[in-house]
Amino acid sequence: MRRTDKDMLVTGLKRLAITVVLMFTAPIVLYQAFKNQENFLFWPVCIIGVILAFFAVRTGFKGIMTIMDSMFGKKPKSS
């Protein structure tokens, strides 16, 4: 029976913690951008918000995949 890789599990949990921070930060940044559309910094702030949202989703998937790999092992590549 396979045991859980604890180091890999901790890495996955750290990624999920970063995801939670990004999940709150990205909407706040986007809200501030759309609230101040007449400001000259609208586009840079909006782009930063979209990038943060993208990284929140990406980091979430990577964190979940890392946790799954730590519990069940990596899938063998079939040729």
Protein backbone atom coordinates (compact mmCIF):
# COMPACT_ATOMS: atom_id res chain seq x y z
CA MET A 1 0.00 0.00 0.00
CA ARG A 2 1.30 3.41 -1.02
CA ARG A 3 1.99 6.06 1.62
CA THR A 4 1.35 9.79 1.23
CA ASP A 5 4.42 11.82 0.27
CA LYS A 6 4.38 14.41 3.06
CA ASP A 7 6.79 16.87 1.41
CA MET A 8 4.73 16.90 -1.75
CA LEU A 9 1.53 17.33 0.29
CA VAL A 10 2.97 20.35 2.10
CA THR A 11 3.95 21.86 -1.25
CA GLY A 12 0.41 21.40 -2.53
CA LEU A 13 -1.07 22.97 0.59
CA LYS A 14 1.27 25.96 0.23
CA ARG A 15 0.08 26.39 -3.36
CA LEU A 16 -3.52 26.31 -2.19
CA ALA A 17 -2.74 28.94 0.44
CA ILE A 18 -1.28 31.17 -2.29
CA THR A 19 -4.42 30.49 -4.33
CA VAL A 20 -6.65 31.73 -1.51
CA VAL A 21 -4.66 34.96 -1.28
CA LEU A 22 -4.85 35.46 -5.05
CA MET A 23 -8.58 34.64 -5.08
CA PHE A 24 -9.19 37.63 -2.81
CA THR A 25 -6.58 39.96 -4.31
CA ALA A 26 -7.55 39.63 -7.99
CA PRO A 27 -11.22 40.68 -7.61
CA ILE A 28 -10.24 43.59 -5.37
CA VAL A 29 -7.75 44.85 -7.95
CA LEU A 30 -10.27 44.41 -10.77
CA TYR A 31 -12.96 46.20 -8.77
CA GLN A 32 -10.64 49.13 -8.16
CA ALA A 33 -9.77 49.26 -11.84
CA PHE A 34 -13.39 49.32 -12.99
CA LYS A 35 -14.36 51.80 -10.29
CA ASN A 36 -11.78 54.28 -11.64
CA GLN A 37 -12.23 53.91 -15.41
CA GLU A 38 -11.51 57.59 -16.06
CA ASN A 39 -8.10 57.33 -14.41
CA PHE A 40 -5.04 57.03 -16.65
CA LEU A 41 -3.94 53.90 -14.73
CA PHE A 42 -7.11 51.99 -15.63
CA TRP A 43 -5.52 49.69 -18.21
CA PRO A 44 -2.37 48.77 -16.24
CA VAL A 45 -4.40 48.01 -13.10
CA CYS A 46 -6.96 46.04 -15.12
CA ILE A 47 -4.23 43.98 -16.78
CA ILE A 48 -2.62 43.29 -13.40
CA GLY A 49 -6.00 42.14 -12.06
CA VAL A 50 -6.53 39.78 -14.99
CA ILE A 51 -3.02 38.35 -14.58
CA LEU A 52 -3.64 37.80 -10.85
CA ALA A 53 -6.93 36.04 -11.65
CA PHE A 54 -5.18 33.82 -14.21
CA PHE A 55 -2.50 32.87 -11.68
CA ALA A 56 -5.16 32.17 -9.03
CA VAL A 57 -6.79 29.60 -11.31
CA ARG A 58 -3.45 28.14 -12.46
CA THR A 59 -2.05 27.89 -8.94
CA GLY A 60 -5.27 26.28 -7.73
CA PHE A 61 -5.10 23.56 -10.36
CA LYS A 62 -1.39 22.98 -9.75
CA GLY A 63 -1.97 22.77 -5.99
CA ILE A 64 -4.80 20.25 -6.35
CA MET A 65 -2.77 18.17 -8.81
CA THR A 66 0.22 18.21 -6.45
CA ILE A 67 -1.95 17.02 -3.56
CA MET A 68 -3.47 14.28 -5.72
CA ASP A 69 0.01 13.16 -6.84
CA SER A 70 1.21 13.07 -3.23
CA MET A 71 -1.66 10.80 -2.21
CA PHE A 72 -2.04 8.53 -5.20
CA GLY A 73 1.28 8.79 -7.01
CA LYS A 74 1.98 9.99 -10.52
CA LYS A 75 0.25 8.32 -13.42
CA PRO A 76 2.59 6.16 -15.47
CA LYS A 77 2.99 7.40 -19.02
CA SER A 78 1.63 4.90 -21.50
CA SER A 79 3.44 4.58 -24.81
